[in-house]
Amino acid sequence: MNDINNPSYLENQFLIAMPQMEDSYFSNTVTYLWKHNDDGALGIVINKPLQACVADIFDELDIKCSIEDGPFSEEVVLAGGPVERDKGFIIHDAEKHWESSISVTEDISVCTSKSILEDIASGKGPENYLIALGCAGWEAGQLEREIGENAWLTVPADRALIFSNDYENKAQRAASILGVNLQQLAPDAGHS
């Protein structure tokens, strides 16, 4: 059970942008929150595809594919957030670790290493992964304030949903974990 007094209580949670979200970058997004402590929070938007594919990333980094290039030209790269947009973040299965892998749970890790991309290109990478450019960040107390202002709905993360390529429906699917239909939420939530 999550404890609001524990500074890492939001790790391994989805943040679903509420309909009244004023920040156009985060409108209709689902963010996987992988770090939360006294200093702030970090997450990766998991449903905002870019016009780039994984093959483009490999070309940009001079990574040679030793397996058929076809699937990489169809795998999208996501806009992970407005912070460090030129840095790659990979959410992956935690069965194997790379030099910069950070374990979030026993099943999920986050990595920023080029070596994981090289292993993916050669067929030695994780079975499940998501590649994003940039991340989302909040300073100490900022995310908690935004949640208190009804900007975000928090939901326990679902591993299958993280790696799903149904980007258009991820927000509703994440909300449905709690039995919530986003289309039925009023854009102007009240406070009592």
C-alpha atoms as a PDB file:
ATOM      1  CA  MET A   1       0.000   0.000   0.000  1.00  0.00           C
ATOM      2  CA  ASN A   2       1.297   3.486  -0.835  1.00  0.00           C
ATOM      3  CA  ASP A   3       2.014   5.748   2.102  1.00  0.00           C
ATOM      4  CA  ILE A   4       1.758   9.461   1.424  1.00  0.00           C
ATOM      5  CA  ASN A   5       4.315  10.121   4.170  1.00  0.00           C
ATOM      6  CA  ASN A   6       6.910   8.000   2.352  1.00  0.00           C
ATOM      7  CA  PRO A   7       8.818  10.266  -0.073  1.00  0.00           C
ATOM      8  CA  SER A   8       8.964   7.527  -2.717  1.00  0.00           C
ATOM      9  CA  TYR A   9       5.272   6.651  -2.548  1.00  0.00           C
ATOM     10  CA  LEU A  10       4.620   7.646  -6.177  1.00  0.00           C
ATOM     11  CA  GLU A  11       7.366   5.518  -7.729  1.00  0.00           C
ATOM     12  CA  ASN A  12       6.051   2.915 -10.165  1.00  0.00           C
ATOM     13  CA  GLN A  13       2.830   4.883 -10.663  1.00  0.00           C
ATOM     14  CA  PHE A  14       1.152   6.289 -13.759  1.00  0.00           C
ATOM     15  CA  LEU A  15       0.309   9.959 -13.822  1.00  0.00           C
ATOM     16  CA  ILE A  16      -2.660  10.499 -16.102  1.00  0.00           C
ATOM     17  CA  ALA A  17      -3.237  14.065 -17.242  1.00  0.00           C
ATOM     18  CA  MET A  18      -6.694  15.180 -16.201  1.00  0.00           C
ATOM     19  CA  PRO A  19      -8.956  16.750 -18.858  1.00  0.00           C
ATOM     20  CA  GLN A  20      -8.379  20.228 -17.404  1.00  0.00           C
ATOM     21  CA  MET A  21      -4.571  19.957 -17.855  1.00  0.00           C
ATOM     22  CA  GLU A  22      -3.492  23.398 -19.074  1.00  0.00           C
ATOM     23  CA  ASP A  23       0.015  22.395 -20.200  1.00  0.00           C
ATOM     24  CA  SER A  24      -0.381  21.436 -23.864  1.00  0.00           C
ATOM     25  CA  TYR A  25       2.700  19.195 -23.723  1.00  0.00           C
ATOM     26  CA  PHE A  26       1.061  16.919 -21.156  1.00  0.00           C
ATOM     27  CA  SER A  27      -2.508  17.013 -22.493  1.00  0.00           C
ATOM     28  CA  ASN A  28      -3.901  13.441 -22.716  1.00  0.00           C
ATOM     29  CA  THR A  29      -0.621  11.873 -21.565  1.00  0.00           C
ATOM     30  CA  VAL A  30       0.315   8.991 -19.329  1.00  0.00           C
ATOM     31  CA  THR A  31       3.629   9.391 -17.524  1.00  0.00           C
ATOM     32  CA  TYR A  32       5.428   6.485 -15.888  1.00  0.00           C
ATOM     33  CA  LEU A  33       6.862   7.849 -12.644  1.00  0.00           C
ATOM     34  CA  TRP A  34      10.117   6.016 -11.964  1.00  0.00           C
ATOM     35  CA  LYS A  35      11.682   8.233  -9.318  1.00  0.00           C
ATOM     36  CA  HIS A  36      10.169  10.230  -6.477  1.00  0.00           C
ATOM     37  CA  ASN A  37      11.964  11.444  -3.370  1.00  0.00           C
ATOM     38  CA  ASP A  38      12.472  14.545  -1.223  1.00  0.00           C
ATOM     39  CA  ASP A  39      14.252  16.275  -4.132  1.00  0.00           C
ATOM     40  CA  GLY A  40      11.402  15.848  -6.622  1.00  0.00           C
ATOM     41  CA  ALA A  41      10.201  13.377  -9.221  1.00  0.00           C
ATOM     42  CA  LEU A  42      11.150  11.995 -12.644  1.00  0.00           C
ATOM     43  CA  GLY A  43       8.925  10.279 -15.153  1.00  0.00           C
ATOM     44  CA  ILE A  44       8.716   9.303 -18.803  1.00  0.00           C
ATOM     45  CA  VAL A  45       5.666  10.010 -20.961  1.00  0.00           C
ATOM     46  CA  ILE A  46       4.701   6.638 -22.466  1.00  0.00           C
ATOM     47  CA  ASN A  47       2.046   7.594 -25.034  1.00  0.00           C
ATOM     48  CA  LYS A  48       3.380  10.491 -27.110  1.00  0.00           C
ATOM     49  CA  PRO A  49       4.987   9.140 -30.327  1.00  0.00           C
ATOM     50  CA  LEU A  50       7.465  11.250 -32.238  1.00  0.00           C
ATOM     51  CA  GLN A  51       7.887  11.208 -36.017  1.00  0.00           C
ATOM     52  CA  ALA A  52      11.094   9.204 -35.450  1.00  0.00           C
ATOM     53  CA  CYS A  53      11.578   5.454 -35.319  1.00  0.00           C
ATOM     54  CA  VAL A  54      14.113   3.313 -33.480  1.00  0.00           C
ATOM     55  CA  ALA A  55      16.062   2.815 -36.746  1.00  0.00           C
ATOM     56  CA  ASP A  56      16.517   6.618 -36.880  1.00  0.00           C
ATOM     57  CA  ILE A  57      18.066   6.562 -33.398  1.00  0.00           C
ATOM     58  CA  PHE A  58      20.426   3.776 -34.453  1.00  0.00           C
ATOM     59  CA  ASP A  59      21.447   5.768 -37.554  1.00  0.00           C
ATOM     60  CA  GLU A  60      21.998   8.916 -35.487  1.00  0.00           C
ATOM     61  CA  LEU A  61      24.239   7.056 -33.024  1.00  0.00           C
ATOM     62  CA  ASP A  62      26.047   4.974 -35.702  1.00  0.00           C
ATOM     63  CA  ILE A  63      24.713   1.741 -34.213  1.00  0.00           C
ATOM     64  CA  LYS A  64      24.810  -1.133 -36.665  1.00  0.00           C
ATOM     65  CA  CYS A  65      21.964  -3.625 -36.679  1.00  0.00           C
ATOM     66  CA  SER A  66      23.049  -7.245 -36.883  1.00  0.00           C
ATOM     67  CA  ILE A  67      19.449  -8.376 -37.222  1.00  0.00           C
ATOM     68  CA  GLU A  68      16.858  -7.439 -39.811  1.00  0.00           C
ATOM     69  CA  ASP A  69      16.320  -3.648 -39.728  1.00  0.00           C
ATOM     70  CA  GLY A  70      12.602  -3.954 -40.582  1.00  0.00           C
ATOM     71  CA  PRO A  71      11.126  -4.003 -37.091  1.00  0.00           C
ATOM     72  CA  PHE A  72      13.207  -1.014 -35.975  1.00  0.00           C
ATOM     73  CA  SER A  73      11.827   1.151 -38.778  1.00  0.00           C
ATOM     74  CA  GLU A  74       8.318   0.433 -37.460  1.00  0.00           C
ATOM     75  CA  GLU A  75       9.025   0.916 -33.734  1.00  0.00           C
ATOM     76  CA  VAL A  76       8.307   4.475 -32.660  1.00  0.00           C
ATOM     77  CA  VAL A  77      10.372   6.653 -30.370  1.00  0.00           C
ATOM     78  CA  LEU A  78       8.383   8.581 -27.793  1.00  0.00           C
ATOM     79  CA  ALA A  79       8.566  12.158 -26.568  1.00  0.00           C
ATOM     80  CA  GLY A  80       9.364  11.258 -22.961  1.00  0.00           C
ATOM     81  CA  GLY A  81       9.068  14.783 -21.613  1.00  0.00           C
ATOM     82  CA  PRO A  82      10.239  18.357 -21.969  1.00  0.00           C
ATOM     83  CA  VAL A  83      13.422  17.867 -19.875  1.00  0.00           C
ATOM     84  CA  GLU A  84      16.684  16.693 -21.511  1.00  0.00           C
ATOM     85  CA  ARG A  85      14.997  16.171 -24.894  1.00  0.00           C
ATOM     86  CA  ASP A  86      18.292  15.163 -26.513  1.00  0.00           C
ATOM     87  CA  LYS A  87      18.860  12.327 -24.017  1.00  0.00           C
ATOM     88  CA  GLY A  88      17.467   8.836 -24.542  1.00  0.00           C
ATOM     89  CA  PHE A  89      15.627   7.006 -21.782  1.00  0.00           C
ATOM     90  CA  ILE A  90      14.835   3.312 -22.107  1.00  0.00           C
ATOM     91  CA  ILE A  91      12.275   1.595 -19.903  1.00  0.00           C
ATOM     92  CA  HIS A  92      13.008  -2.130 -20.040  1.00  0.00           C
ATOM     93  CA  ASP A  93      12.508  -5.556 -18.496  1.00  0.00           C
ATOM     94  CA  ALA A  94      14.690  -5.900 -15.411  1.00  0.00           C
ATOM     95  CA  GLU A  95      15.955  -9.396 -16.207  1.00  0.00           C
ATOM     96  CA  LYS A  96      19.285  -7.953 -17.380  1.00  0.00           C
ATOM     97  CA  HIS A  97      21.012  -4.745 -16.335  1.00  0.00           C
ATOM     98  CA  TRP A  98      23.165  -2.362 -18.317  1.00  0.00           C
ATOM     99  CA  GLU A  99      25.730   0.083 -16.944  1.00  0.00           C
ATOM    100  CA  SER A 100      23.211   2.821 -16.137  1.00  0.00           C
ATOM    101  CA  SER A 101      20.142   0.683 -15.387  1.00  0.00           C
ATOM    102  CA  ILE A 102      18.165   1.804 -12.371  1.00  0.00           C
ATOM    103  CA  SER A 103      15.765  -0.757 -10.913  1.00  0.00           C
ATOM    104  CA  VAL A 104      12.329   0.676 -10.268  1.00  0.00           C
ATOM    105  CA  THR A 105      10.713  -2.674  -9.409  1.00  0.00           C
ATOM    106  CA  GLU A 106      11.887  -6.256  -9.698  1.00  0.00           C
ATOM    107  CA  ASP A 107      10.379  -6.279 -13.226  1.00  0.00           C
ATOM    108  CA  ILE A 108      11.088  -2.766 -14.551  1.00  0.00           C
ATOM    109  CA  SER A 109      14.287  -0.741 -14.973  1.00  0.00           C
ATOM    110  CA  VAL A 110      15.161   2.568 -16.611  1.00  0.00           C
ATOM    111  CA  CYS A 111      18.416   3.045 -18.503  1.00  0.00           C
ATOM    112  CA  THR A 112      20.226   5.802 -20.414  1.00  0.00           C
ATOM    113  CA  SER A 113      23.142   3.738 -21.723  1.00  0.00           C
ATOM    114  CA  LYS A 114      24.119   3.496 -25.391  1.00  0.00           C
ATOM    115  CA  SER A 115      25.111  -0.119 -24.710  1.00  0.00           C
ATOM    116  CA  ILE A 116      21.467  -1.162 -24.247  1.00  0.00           C
ATOM    117  CA  LEU A 117      20.680   0.305 -27.670  1.00  0.00           C
ATOM    118  CA  GLU A 118      23.599  -1.613 -29.180  1.00  0.00           C
ATOM    119  CA  ASP A 119      22.294  -4.809 -27.579  1.00  0.00           C
ATOM    120  CA  ILE A 120      18.773  -4.120 -28.868  1.00  0.00           C
ATOM    121  CA  ALA A 121      20.192  -3.603 -32.380  1.00  0.00           C
ATOM    122  CA  SER A 122      22.088  -6.890 -32.205  1.00  0.00           C
ATOM    123  CA  GLY A 123      19.158  -8.876 -30.818  1.00  0.00           C
ATOM    124  CA  LYS A 124      20.688  -9.207 -27.336  1.00  0.00           C
ATOM    125  CA  GLY A 125      18.571  -6.543 -25.653  1.00  0.00           C
ATOM    126  CA  PRO A 126      15.562  -6.878 -23.386  1.00  0.00           C
ATOM    127  CA  GLU A 127      12.429  -8.559 -24.714  1.00  0.00           C
ATOM    128  CA  ASN A 128      10.310  -5.548 -23.730  1.00  0.00           C
ATOM    129  CA  TYR A 129      11.516  -1.969 -23.984  1.00  0.00           C
ATOM    130  CA  LEU A 130      10.306   1.524 -24.713  1.00  0.00           C
ATOM    131  CA  ILE A 131      12.634   4.239 -26.046  1.00  0.00           C
ATOM    132  CA  ALA A 132      11.902   7.892 -25.325  1.00  0.00           C
ATOM    133  CA  LEU A 133      13.723  11.165 -25.857  1.00  0.00           C
ATOM    134  CA  GLY A 134      13.535  13.399 -22.819  1.00  0.00           C
ATOM    135  CA  CYS A 135      11.811  12.969 -19.501  1.00  0.00           C
ATOM    136  CA  ALA A 136       9.424  14.810 -17.220  1.00  0.00           C
ATOM    137  CA  GLY A 137      10.707  16.347 -14.025  1.00  0.00           C
ATOM    138  CA  TRP A 138       9.237  18.044 -10.985  1.00  0.00           C
ATOM    139  CA  GLU A 139      11.103  19.878  -8.235  1.00  0.00           C
ATOM    140  CA  ALA A 140      10.498  19.099  -4.568  1.00  0.00           C
ATOM    141  CA  GLY A 141       6.801  19.429  -3.721  1.00  0.00           C
ATOM    142  CA  GLN A 142       5.754  20.490  -7.239  1.00  0.00           C
ATOM    143  CA  LEU A 143       4.135  17.200  -8.251  1.00  0.00           C
ATOM    144  CA  GLU A 144       2.289  16.929  -4.956  1.00  0.00           C
ATOM    145  CA  ARG A 145       0.893  20.455  -5.494  1.00  0.00           C
ATOM    146  CA  GLU A 146      -0.198  19.585  -9.036  1.00  0.00           C
ATOM    147  CA  ILE A 147      -1.938  16.412  -7.816  1.00  0.00           C
ATOM    148  CA  GLY A 148      -3.664  18.476  -5.115  1.00  0.00           C
ATOM    149  CA  GLU A 149      -4.853  20.857  -7.855  1.00  0.00           C
ATOM    150  CA  ASN A 150      -6.406  17.906  -9.742  1.00  0.00           C
ATOM    151  CA  ALA A 151      -3.965  18.120 -12.654  1.00  0.00           C
ATOM    152  CA  TRP A 152      -3.092  14.410 -12.405  1.00  0.00           C
ATOM    153  CA  LEU A 153      -4.802  11.149 -11.604  1.00  0.00           C
ATOM    154  CA  THR A 154      -2.407   8.625 -10.042  1.00  0.00           C
ATOM    155  CA  VAL A 155      -2.756   4.935 -10.817  1.00  0.00           C
ATOM    156  CA  PRO A 156      -0.544   1.947  -9.966  1.00  0.00           C
ATOM    157  CA  ALA A 157       1.609   1.195 -13.009  1.00  0.00           C
ATOM    158  CA  ASP A 158       0.778  -1.777 -15.191  1.00  0.00           C
ATOM    159  CA  ARG A 159       3.754  -3.460 -16.856  1.00  0.00           C
ATOM    160  CA  ALA A 160       1.797  -4.612 -19.930  1.00  0.00           C
ATOM    161  CA  LEU A 161       0.458  -1.097 -20.474  1.00  0.00           C
ATOM    162  CA  ILE A 162       3.948   0.437 -20.269  1.00  0.00           C
ATOM    163  CA  PHE A 163       5.129  -1.691 -23.200  1.00  0.00           C
ATOM    164  CA  SER A 164       1.878  -1.575 -25.192  1.00  0.00           C
ATOM    165  CA  ASN A 165       2.085   0.161 -28.557  1.00  0.00           C
ATOM    166  CA  ASP A 166      -1.571   1.246 -28.380  1.00  0.00           C
ATOM    167  CA  TYR A 167      -0.475   4.832 -27.661  1.00  0.00           C
ATOM    168  CA  GLU A 168      -3.806   6.436 -28.529  1.00  0.00           C
ATOM    169  CA  ASN A 169      -5.724   4.499 -25.869  1.00  0.00           C
ATOM    170  CA  LYS A 170      -3.115   4.328 -23.073  1.00  0.00           C
ATOM    171  CA  ALA A 171      -4.602   7.187 -21.065  1.00  0.00           C
ATOM    172  CA  GLN A 172      -8.078   5.634 -20.992  1.00  0.00           C
ATOM    173  CA  ARG A 173      -6.688   2.150 -20.386  1.00  0.00           C
ATOM    174  CA  ALA A 174      -4.615   3.464 -17.459  1.00  0.00           C
ATOM    175  CA  ALA A 175      -7.625   5.288 -15.995  1.00  0.00           C
ATOM    176  CA  SER A 176      -9.734   2.153 -16.349  1.00  0.00           C
ATOM    177  CA  ILE A 177      -7.399   0.422 -13.857  1.00  0.00           C
ATOM    178  CA  LEU A 178      -9.310   2.501 -11.285  1.00  0.00           C
ATOM    179  CA  GLY A 179     -12.632   2.127 -13.098  1.00  0.00           C
ATOM    180  CA  VAL A 180     -12.500   5.737 -14.315  1.00  0.00           C
ATOM    181  CA  ASN A 181     -13.709   6.873 -17.745  1.00  0.00           C
ATOM    182  CA  LEU A 182     -11.760  10.004 -18.685  1.00  0.00           C
ATOM    183  CA  GLN A 183     -14.513  11.128 -21.067  1.00  0.00           C
ATOM    184  CA  GLN A 184     -16.927  11.330 -18.125  1.00  0.00           C
ATOM    185  CA  LEU A 185     -14.708  13.539 -15.981  1.00  0.00           C
ATOM    186  CA  ALA A 186     -15.674  17.183 -15.849  1.00  0.00           C
ATOM    187  CA  PRO A 187     -12.902  19.463 -17.071  1.00  0.00           C
ATOM    188  CA  ASP A 188     -13.518  21.789 -14.107  1.00  0.00           C
ATOM    189  CA  ALA A 189     -13.134  19.692 -10.977  1.00  0.00           C
ATOM    190  CA  GLY A 190     -14.298  21.235  -7.733  1.00  0.00           C
ATOM    191  CA  HIS A 191     -12.820  21.160  -4.247  1.00  0.00           C
ATOM    192  CA  SER A 192     -14.749  20.668  -1.060  1.00  0.00           C
END
